[in-house]
């Protein structure tokens, strides 16, 4: 995903809307991964 965002940003004229959508999608995936990791490995204070 980072490579796709970088490639779009380097080549002028680039589609800012497409870059924004990719960044938003990347952030959503990151949040989903963090949520799933929290379910697998709960934060238990011993």
PDB file of N, CA and C in Angstrom:
ATOM      1  N   UNK A   1       0.833  -1.178   0.000  1.00  0.00           N
ATOM      2  CA  UNK A   1       0.000   0.000   0.000  1.00  0.00           C
ATOM      3  C   UNK A   1       0.880   1.244   0.000  1.00  0.00           C
ATOM      4  N   UNK A   2       1.951   1.222   0.794  1.00  0.00           N
ATOM      5  CA  UNK A   2       2.874   2.366   0.824  1.00  0.00           C
ATOM      6  C   UNK A   2       3.496   2.611  -0.544  1.00  0.00           C
ATOM      7  N   UNK A   3       3.841   1.528  -1.222  1.00  0.00           N
ATOM      8  CA  UNK A   3       4.444   1.651  -2.555  1.00  0.00           C
ATOM      9  C   UNK A   3       3.479   2.289  -3.550  1.00  0.00           C
ATOM     10  N   UNK A   4       2.217   1.917  -3.464  1.00  0.00           N
ATOM     11  CA  UNK A   4       1.218   2.480  -4.369  1.00  0.00           C
ATOM     12  C   UNK A   4       1.028   3.964  -4.112  1.00  0.00           C
ATOM     13  N   UNK A   5       0.992   4.354  -2.852  1.00  0.00           N
ATOM     14  CA  UNK A   5       0.843   5.770  -2.499  1.00  0.00           C
ATOM     15  C   UNK A   5       2.058   6.557  -2.965  1.00  0.00           C
ATOM     16  N   UNK A   6       3.237   6.029  -2.742  1.00  0.00           N
ATOM     17  CA  UNK A   6       4.465   6.703  -3.164  1.00  0.00           C
ATOM     18  C   UNK A   6       4.529   6.843  -4.676  1.00  0.00           C
ATOM     19  N   UNK A   7       4.168   5.792  -5.385  1.00  0.00           N
ATOM     20  CA  UNK A   7       4.214   5.825  -6.840  1.00  0.00           C
ATOM     21  C   UNK A   7       3.248   6.872  -7.398  1.00  0.00           C
ATOM     22  N   UNK A   8       2.065   6.956  -6.814  1.00  0.00           N
ATOM     23  CA  UNK A   8       1.099   7.953  -7.274  1.00  0.00           C
ATOM     24  C   UNK A   8       1.559   9.379  -6.963  1.00  0.00           C
ATOM     25  N   UNK A   9       2.197   9.559  -5.823  1.00  0.00           N
ATOM     26  CA  UNK A   9       2.631  10.896  -5.405  1.00  0.00           C
ATOM     27  C   UNK A   9       3.823  11.396  -6.213  1.00  0.00           C
ATOM     28  N   UNK A  10       4.641  10.488  -6.724  1.00  0.00           N
ATOM     29  CA  UNK A  10       5.844  10.880  -7.459  1.00  0.00           C
ATOM     30  C   UNK A  10       5.559  11.335  -8.874  1.00  0.00           C
ATOM     31  N   UNK A  11       4.559  10.766  -9.500  1.00  0.00           N
ATOM     32  CA  UNK A  11       4.331  11.041 -10.922  1.00  0.00           C
ATOM     33  C   UNK A  11       3.328  12.184 -11.115  1.00  0.00           C
ATOM     34  N   UNK A  12       3.841  13.352 -11.519  1.00  0.00           N
ATOM     35  CA  UNK A  12       2.925  14.470 -11.741  1.00  0.00           C
ATOM     36  C   UNK A  12       2.192  14.297 -13.058  1.00  0.00           C
ATOM     37  N   UNK A  13       1.040  14.747 -13.286  1.00  0.00           N
ATOM     38  CA  UNK A  13       0.082  15.193 -12.262  1.00  0.00           C
ATOM     39  C   UNK A  13      -0.576  13.970 -11.623  1.00  0.00           C
ATOM     40  N   UNK A  14      -0.609  13.946 -10.322  1.00  0.00           N
ATOM     41  CA  UNK A  14      -1.182  12.784  -9.643  1.00  0.00           C
ATOM     42  C   UNK A  14      -2.585  13.109  -9.142  1.00  0.00           C
ATOM     43  N   UNK A  15      -3.351  12.074  -8.973  1.00  0.00           N
ATOM     44  CA  UNK A  15      -4.742  12.179  -8.553  1.00  0.00           C
ATOM     45  C   UNK A  15      -4.798  12.270  -7.033  1.00  0.00           C
ATOM     46  N   UNK A  16      -5.004  13.478  -6.517  1.00  0.00           N
ATOM     47  CA  UNK A  16      -4.999  13.679  -5.070  1.00  0.00           C
ATOM     48  C   UNK A  16      -6.127  12.907  -4.389  1.00  0.00           C
ATOM     49  N   UNK A  17      -7.260  12.813  -5.048  1.00  0.00           N
ATOM     50  CA  UNK A  17      -8.382  12.081  -4.464  1.00  0.00           C
ATOM     51  C   UNK A  17      -8.035  10.602  -4.301  1.00  0.00           C
ATOM     52  N   UNK A  18      -7.379  10.032  -5.295  1.00  0.00           N
ATOM     53  CA  UNK A  18      -6.983   8.625  -5.219  1.00  0.00           C
ATOM     54  C   UNK A  18      -5.962   8.406  -4.107  1.00  0.00           C
ATOM     55  N   UNK A  19      -5.009   9.336  -3.961  1.00  0.00           N
ATOM     56  CA  UNK A  19      -4.005   9.239  -2.902  1.00  0.00           C
ATOM     57  C   UNK A  19      -4.683   9.323  -1.540  1.00  0.00           C
ATOM     58  N   UNK A  20      -5.626  10.250  -1.379  1.00  0.00           N
ATOM     59  CA  UNK A  20      -6.341  10.385  -0.107  1.00  0.00           C
ATOM     60  C   UNK A  20      -7.122   9.123   0.224  1.00  0.00           C
ATOM     61  N   UNK A  21      -7.757   8.541  -0.782  1.00  0.00           N
ATOM     62  CA  UNK A  21      -8.527   7.313  -0.550  1.00  0.00           C
ATOM     63  C   UNK A  21      -7.621   6.164  -0.136  1.00  0.00           C
ATOM     64  N   UNK A  22      -6.456   6.054  -0.775  1.00  0.00           N
ATOM     65  CA  UNK A  22      -5.511   4.997  -0.403  1.00  0.00           C
ATOM     66  C   UNK A  22      -5.008   5.185   1.022  1.00  0.00           C
ATOM     67  N   UNK A  23      -4.718   6.431   1.394  1.00  0.00           N
ATOM     68  CA  UNK A  23      -4.246   6.695   2.752  1.00  0.00           C
ATOM     69  C   UNK A  23      -5.328   6.368   3.782  1.00  0.00           C
ATOM     70  N   UNK A  24      -6.572   6.708   3.459  1.00  0.00           N
ATOM     71  CA  UNK A  24      -7.676   6.413   4.371  1.00  0.00           C
ATOM     72  C   UNK A  24      -7.872   4.901   4.501  1.00  0.00           C
ATOM     73  N   UNK A  25      -7.761   4.194   3.389  1.00  0.00           N
ATOM     74  CA  UNK A  25      -7.887   2.731   3.398  1.00  0.00           C
ATOM     75  C   UNK A  25      -6.769   2.100   4.220  1.00  0.00           C
ATOM     76  N   UNK A  26      -5.553   2.636   4.062  1.00  0.00           N
ATOM     77  CA  UNK A  26      -4.406   2.128   4.816  1.00  0.00           C
ATOM     78  C   UNK A  26      -4.636   2.316   6.314  1.00  0.00           C
ATOM     79  N   UNK A  27      -5.135   3.483   6.707  1.00  0.00           N
ATOM     80  CA  UNK A  27      -5.397   3.747   8.117  1.00  0.00           C
ATOM     81  C   UNK A  27      -6.475   2.812   8.655  1.00  0.00           C
ATOM     82  N   UNK A  28      -7.510   2.566   7.856  1.00  0.00           N
ATOM     83  CA  UNK A  28      -8.564   1.640   8.269  1.00  0.00           C
ATOM     84  C   UNK A  28      -8.040   0.230   8.467  1.00  0.00           C
ATOM     85  N   UNK A  29      -7.180  -0.211   7.557  1.00  0.00           N
ATOM     86  CA  UNK A  29      -6.592  -1.551   7.687  1.00  0.00           C
ATOM     87  C   UNK A  29      -5.707  -1.644   8.917  1.00  0.00           C
ATOM     88  N   UNK A  30      -4.957  -0.569   9.175  1.00  0.00           N
ATOM     89  CA  UNK A  30      -4.091  -0.546  10.359  1.00  0.00           C
ATOM     90  C   UNK A  30      -4.923  -0.655  11.643  1.00  0.00           C
ATOM     91  N   UNK A  31      -6.035   0.066  11.703  1.00  0.00           N
ATOM     92  CA  UNK A  31      -6.931   0.004  12.861  1.00  0.00           C
ATOM     93  C   UNK A  31      -7.529  -1.389  13.027  1.00  0.00           C
ATOM     94  N   UNK A  32      -7.915  -1.989  11.907  1.00  0.00           N
ATOM     95  CA  UNK A  32      -8.500  -3.327  11.954  1.00  0.00           C
ATOM     96  C   UNK A  32      -7.477  -4.354  12.445  1.00  0.00           C
ATOM     97  N   UNK A  33      -6.244  -4.239  11.995  1.00  0.00           N
ATOM     98  CA  UNK A  33      -5.181  -5.145  12.446  1.00  0.00           C
ATOM     99  C   UNK A  33      -4.952  -4.983  13.941  1.00  0.00           C
ATOM    100  N   UNK A  34      -4.928  -3.746  14.418  1.00  0.00           N
ATOM    101  CA  UNK A  34      -4.722  -3.494  15.849  1.00  0.00           C
ATOM    102  C   UNK A  34      -5.871  -4.073  16.678  1.00  0.00           C
ATOM    103  N   UNK A  35      -7.093  -3.937  16.174  1.00  0.00           N
ATOM    104  CA  UNK A  35      -8.251  -4.472  16.889  1.00  0.00           C
ATOM    105  C   UNK A  35      -8.194  -5.997  16.955  1.00  0.00           C
ATOM    106  N   UNK A  36      -7.860  -6.625  15.835  1.00  0.00           N
ATOM    107  CA  UNK A  36      -7.758  -8.085  15.813  1.00  0.00           C
ATOM    108  C   UNK A  36      -6.627  -8.579  16.703  1.00  0.00           C
ATOM    109  N   UNK A  37      -5.507  -7.877  16.706  1.00  0.00           N
ATOM    110  CA  UNK A  37      -4.389  -8.269  17.569  1.00  0.00           C
ATOM    111  C   UNK A  37      -4.792  -8.158  19.031  1.00  0.00           C
ATOM    112  N   UNK A  38      -5.599  -7.146  19.359  1.00  0.00           N
ATOM    113  CA  UNK A  38      -6.082  -6.992  20.724  1.00  0.00           C
ATOM    114  C   UNK A  38      -6.989  -8.113  21.145  1.00  0.00           C
ATOM    115  N   UNK A  39      -7.757  -8.657  20.201  1.00  0.00           N
ATOM    116  CA  UNK A  39      -8.624  -9.781  20.505  1.00  0.00           C
ATOM    117  C   UNK A  39      -7.823 -11.063  20.697  1.00  0.00           C
ATOM    118  N   UNK A  40      -6.763 -11.214  19.921  1.00  0.00           N
ATOM    119  CA  UNK A  40      -5.942 -12.424  20.011  1.00  0.00           C
ATOM    120  C   UNK A  40      -5.071 -12.399  21.267  1.00  0.00           C
ATOM    121  N   UNK A  41      -4.448 -11.259  21.508  1.00  0.00           N
ATOM    122  CA  UNK A  41      -3.561 -11.093  22.655  1.00  0.00           C
ATOM    123  C   UNK A  41      -4.120 -10.012  23.571  1.00  0.00           C
ATOM    124  N   UNK A  42      -5.047 -10.372  24.457  1.00  0.00           N
ATOM    125  CA  UNK A  42      -5.635  -9.360  25.339  1.00  0.00           C
ATOM    126  C   UNK A  42      -4.591  -8.769  26.278  1.00  0.00           C
ATOM    127  N   UNK A  43      -4.804  -7.526  26.611  1.00  0.00           N
ATOM    128  CA  UNK A  43      -3.888  -6.805  27.490  1.00  0.00           C
ATOM    129  C   UNK A  43      -4.226  -7.123  28.945  1.00  0.00           C
ATOM    130  N   UNK A  44      -3.632  -8.215  29.446  1.00  0.00           N
ATOM    131  CA  UNK A  44      -3.907  -8.667  30.816  1.00  0.00           C
ATOM    132  C   UNK A  44      -2.736  -8.257  31.699  1.00  0.00           C
ATOM    133  N   UNK A  45      -3.053  -7.500  32.721  1.00  0.00           N
ATOM    134  CA  UNK A  45      -2.026  -7.090  33.675  1.00  0.00           C
ATOM    135  C   UNK A  45      -1.970  -8.138  34.773  1.00  0.00           C
ATOM    136  N   UNK A  46      -0.827  -8.769  34.909  1.00  0.00           N
ATOM    137  CA  UNK A  46      -0.691  -9.852  35.889  1.00  0.00           C
ATOM    138  C   UNK A  46      -0.065  -9.352  37.157  1.00  0.00           C
TER     139      UNK A  46
END
